[in-house]
Amino acid sequence: GGEKRKGEGRTPLCVFASKAFRGPIRANALECSPVEEQDSRQAVRIYAGLTLLYLLLSFALLAPMSLDASRRLPDDGDSLQGIWIVWWSATHLSKGYPGIFDANAFYPHPSGLLYSEPMLGQGLLSWPLFGALDDKVLAMNLLTLLTLGLSAFASHCLYREITGSTSGALTGAIFF
């Protein structure tokens, strides 16, 4: 009884590795063979490297904003409204539906957040940023950087799946 077999109690990396690197995922896999475990670790390293590459390219593309992220905004027009909307969405997600839409803008009209785009996806993604940082401009600029970098990574995965070519996916994601 009390002995644990190797691999028991943890989910092996090979269960989560992409089929682009090792073929279809087995639904009932409890353990990986040494080859599968090595392949899945290699896939994780490749994905982490690609994500870092796209984040660095995003940083370079967004310069000079990314070089002074706590003081610069992407533009002088709607940036302040965008920061407020994303901040409201991120900090009021716990209100749920319909409370999240009852923003303090356009008072006394109900559901003031709906007079503009509510940006709930960005609010969800930026929730930890606004929780950890007091600087809302920095949080919004980090969100912009993350959104662009992760979108390029997602497009890389899509292009890789469609074409089967890693170099084609890299080229397509950079031009994305």
Protein backbone atom coordinates (compact mmCIF):
# COMPACT_ATOMS: atom_id res chain seq x y z
CA GLY A 1 0.00 0.00 0.00
CA GLY A 2 1.68 3.19 0.96
CA GLU A 3 4.28 3.20 -1.80
CA LYS A 4 3.89 5.59 -4.71
CA ARG A 5 4.90 4.59 -8.17
CA LYS A 6 7.10 6.89 -10.21
CA GLY A 7 5.01 9.62 -11.81
CA GLU A 8 1.96 9.01 -9.60
CA GLY A 9 0.32 12.10 -8.18
CA ARG A 10 1.59 14.46 -10.85
CA THR A 11 0.51 15.23 -14.36
CA PRO A 12 3.36 14.52 -16.75
CA LEU A 13 4.44 17.22 -19.15
CA CYS A 14 3.84 14.98 -22.14
CA VAL A 15 0.09 15.11 -21.54
CA PHE A 16 0.20 18.86 -22.19
CA ALA A 17 2.77 18.93 -25.00
CA SER A 18 1.48 20.13 -28.34
CA LYS A 19 0.66 17.66 -31.05
CA ALA A 20 2.74 19.86 -33.33
CA PHE A 21 5.80 18.42 -31.61
CA ARG A 22 4.81 14.88 -30.64
CA GLY A 23 1.58 13.77 -32.26
CA PRO A 24 -1.88 13.30 -30.69
CA ILE A 25 -2.21 13.39 -26.92
CA ARG A 26 -3.27 10.13 -25.32
CA ALA A 27 -6.38 10.67 -23.23
CA ASN A 28 -5.51 7.97 -20.69
CA ALA A 29 -1.80 8.72 -20.31
CA LEU A 30 -0.67 8.39 -16.70
CA GLU A 31 3.04 8.29 -17.29
CA CYS A 32 5.40 9.26 -20.06
CA SER A 33 8.13 7.19 -21.52
CA PRO A 34 11.57 8.80 -21.16
CA VAL A 35 11.50 9.79 -24.83
CA GLU A 36 8.05 11.39 -24.52
CA GLU A 37 9.08 13.26 -21.36
CA GLN A 38 12.20 14.59 -23.10
CA ASP A 39 10.17 15.62 -26.17
CA SER A 40 7.60 17.42 -24.03
CA ARG A 41 10.29 19.30 -22.12
CA GLN A 42 11.85 20.31 -25.41
CA ALA A 43 8.45 21.54 -26.64
CA VAL A 44 7.99 23.61 -23.47
CA ARG A 45 11.45 25.15 -23.95
CA ILE A 46 10.67 25.95 -27.59
CA TYR A 47 7.32 27.54 -26.70
CA ALA A 48 8.90 29.57 -23.88
CA GLY A 49 11.64 30.76 -26.23
CA LEU A 50 9.14 31.76 -28.90
CA THR A 51 7.02 33.60 -26.36
CA LEU A 52 10.08 35.50 -25.14
CA LEU A 53 11.09 36.29 -28.73
CA TYR A 54 7.66 37.74 -29.55
CA LEU A 55 7.58 39.74 -26.31
CA LEU A 56 11.01 41.21 -27.10
CA LEU A 57 9.91 42.07 -30.65
CA SER A 58 6.78 43.71 -29.21
CA PHE A 59 8.95 45.70 -26.81
CA ALA A 60 11.07 46.94 -29.74
CA LEU A 61 8.02 47.70 -31.88
CA LEU A 62 6.36 49.73 -29.13
CA ALA A 63 9.42 51.87 -28.39
CA PRO A 64 9.59 54.67 -27.20
CA MET A 65 6.47 53.85 -25.16
CA SER A 66 8.00 50.62 -23.86
CA LEU A 67 11.19 52.42 -22.82
CA ASP A 68 9.26 54.77 -20.51
CA ALA A 69 6.20 52.66 -19.77
CA SER A 70 5.19 54.41 -16.57
CA ARG A 71 4.87 57.86 -18.17
CA ARG A 72 4.12 57.44 -21.89
CA LEU A 73 0.79 56.64 -23.47
CA PRO A 74 0.22 55.19 -26.95
CA ASP A 75 -1.61 58.37 -28.00
CA ASP A 76 -3.07 61.52 -26.54
CA GLY A 77 -6.66 60.79 -27.59
CA ASP A 78 -8.52 57.89 -26.04
CA SER A 79 -5.71 56.45 -23.93
CA LEU A 80 -7.00 57.86 -20.66
CA GLN A 81 -10.51 56.56 -21.35
CA GLY A 82 -9.05 53.18 -22.32
CA ILE A 83 -7.06 53.00 -19.08
CA TRP A 84 -10.15 53.86 -17.06
CA ILE A 85 -12.32 51.26 -18.85
CA VAL A 86 -9.76 48.47 -18.47
CA TRP A 87 -9.11 49.47 -14.84
CA TRP A 88 -12.86 49.45 -14.09
CA SER A 89 -13.32 46.05 -15.76
CA ALA A 90 -10.30 44.57 -13.97
CA THR A 91 -11.18 45.86 -10.52
CA HIS A 92 -14.92 45.17 -10.69
CA LEU A 93 -14.95 41.66 -12.17
CA SER A 94 -16.12 40.28 -8.82
CA LYS A 95 -19.43 42.15 -9.17
CA GLY A 96 -20.42 39.78 -11.95
CA TYR A 97 -23.29 40.36 -14.32
CA PRO A 98 -24.92 42.95 -14.48
CA GLY A 99 -23.07 44.83 -11.69
CA ILE A 100 -19.83 45.15 -13.60
CA PHE A 101 -21.55 47.37 -16.17
CA ASP A 102 -22.79 49.87 -13.57
CA ALA A 103 -19.76 52.13 -13.88
CA ASN A 104 -19.60 55.59 -12.38
CA ALA A 105 -19.54 57.22 -15.82
CA PHE A 106 -22.69 58.76 -17.30
CA TYR A 107 -24.42 58.85 -13.92
CA PRO A 108 -27.43 58.57 -13.32
CA HIS A 109 -27.88 56.37 -16.38
CA PRO A 110 -27.53 52.66 -15.59
CA SER A 111 -24.89 50.43 -17.20
CA GLY A 112 -22.55 53.32 -17.97
CA LEU A 113 -19.75 50.99 -19.02
CA LEU A 114 -21.82 49.89 -22.00
CA TYR A 115 -21.73 53.39 -23.53
CA SER A 116 -18.27 52.41 -24.70
CA GLU A 117 -16.50 49.12 -25.33
CA PRO A 118 -16.32 47.32 -21.94
CA MET A 119 -13.01 45.53 -22.72
CA LEU A 120 -13.78 42.63 -20.39
CA GLY A 121 -11.11 40.40 -21.95
CA GLN A 122 -8.43 43.00 -21.32
CA GLY A 123 -9.82 43.54 -17.84
CA LEU A 124 -9.47 39.85 -17.05
CA LEU A 125 -5.93 39.73 -18.41
CA SER A 126 -4.92 42.92 -16.58
CA TRP A 127 -6.54 42.05 -13.24
CA PRO A 128 -3.24 40.92 -11.68
CA LEU A 129 -1.42 43.93 -13.13
CA PHE A 130 -3.81 46.47 -11.63
CA GLY A 131 -3.80 44.51 -8.37
CA ALA A 132 -0.01 44.49 -8.10
CA LEU A 133 0.82 47.93 -9.48
CA ASP A 134 -0.31 51.33 -8.25
CA ASP A 135 0.67 52.89 -11.57
CA LYS A 136 -2.27 52.51 -13.96
CA VAL A 137 -0.32 53.82 -16.97
CA LEU A 138 2.39 51.22 -16.41
CA ALA A 139 -0.22 48.47 -16.00
CA MET A 140 -1.94 49.48 -19.24
CA ASN A 141 1.33 49.64 -21.17
CA LEU A 142 2.36 46.21 -19.85
CA LEU A 143 -1.04 44.92 -20.92
CA THR A 144 -0.46 46.35 -24.41
CA LEU A 145 2.97 44.72 -24.58
CA LEU A 146 1.64 41.36 -23.35
CA THR A 147 -1.34 41.47 -25.70
CA LEU A 148 0.82 42.11 -28.76
CA GLY A 149 3.47 39.51 -27.82
CA LEU A 150 0.98 36.79 -26.88
CA SER A 151 -1.08 37.46 -30.01
CA ALA A 152 2.04 37.00 -32.14
CA PHE A 153 2.75 33.73 -30.30
CA ALA A 154 -0.83 32.54 -30.87
CA SER A 155 -0.59 33.40 -34.56
CA HIS A 156 2.70 31.47 -34.72
CA CYS A 157 0.93 28.41 -33.30
CA LEU A 158 -1.92 28.81 -35.79
CA TYR A 159 0.41 29.21 -38.77
CA ARG A 160 2.48 26.24 -37.61
CA GLU A 161 -0.64 24.09 -37.37
CA ILE A 162 -1.91 25.17 -40.78
CA THR A 163 1.33 25.05 -42.76
CA GLY A 164 3.42 22.54 -40.82
CA SER A 165 6.38 24.88 -41.30
CA THR A 166 8.14 26.40 -38.30
CA SER A 167 10.01 28.95 -40.42
CA GLY A 168 6.78 29.91 -42.19
CA ALA A 169 5.04 30.30 -38.83
CA LEU A 170 7.89 32.45 -37.53
CA THR A 171 7.76 34.66 -40.63
CA GLY A 172 3.97 34.93 -40.49
CA ALA A 173 3.94 35.80 -36.78
CA ILE A 174 6.59 38.49 -37.22
CA PHE A 175 4.58 40.07 -40.03
CA PHE A 176 1.44 39.73 -37.91
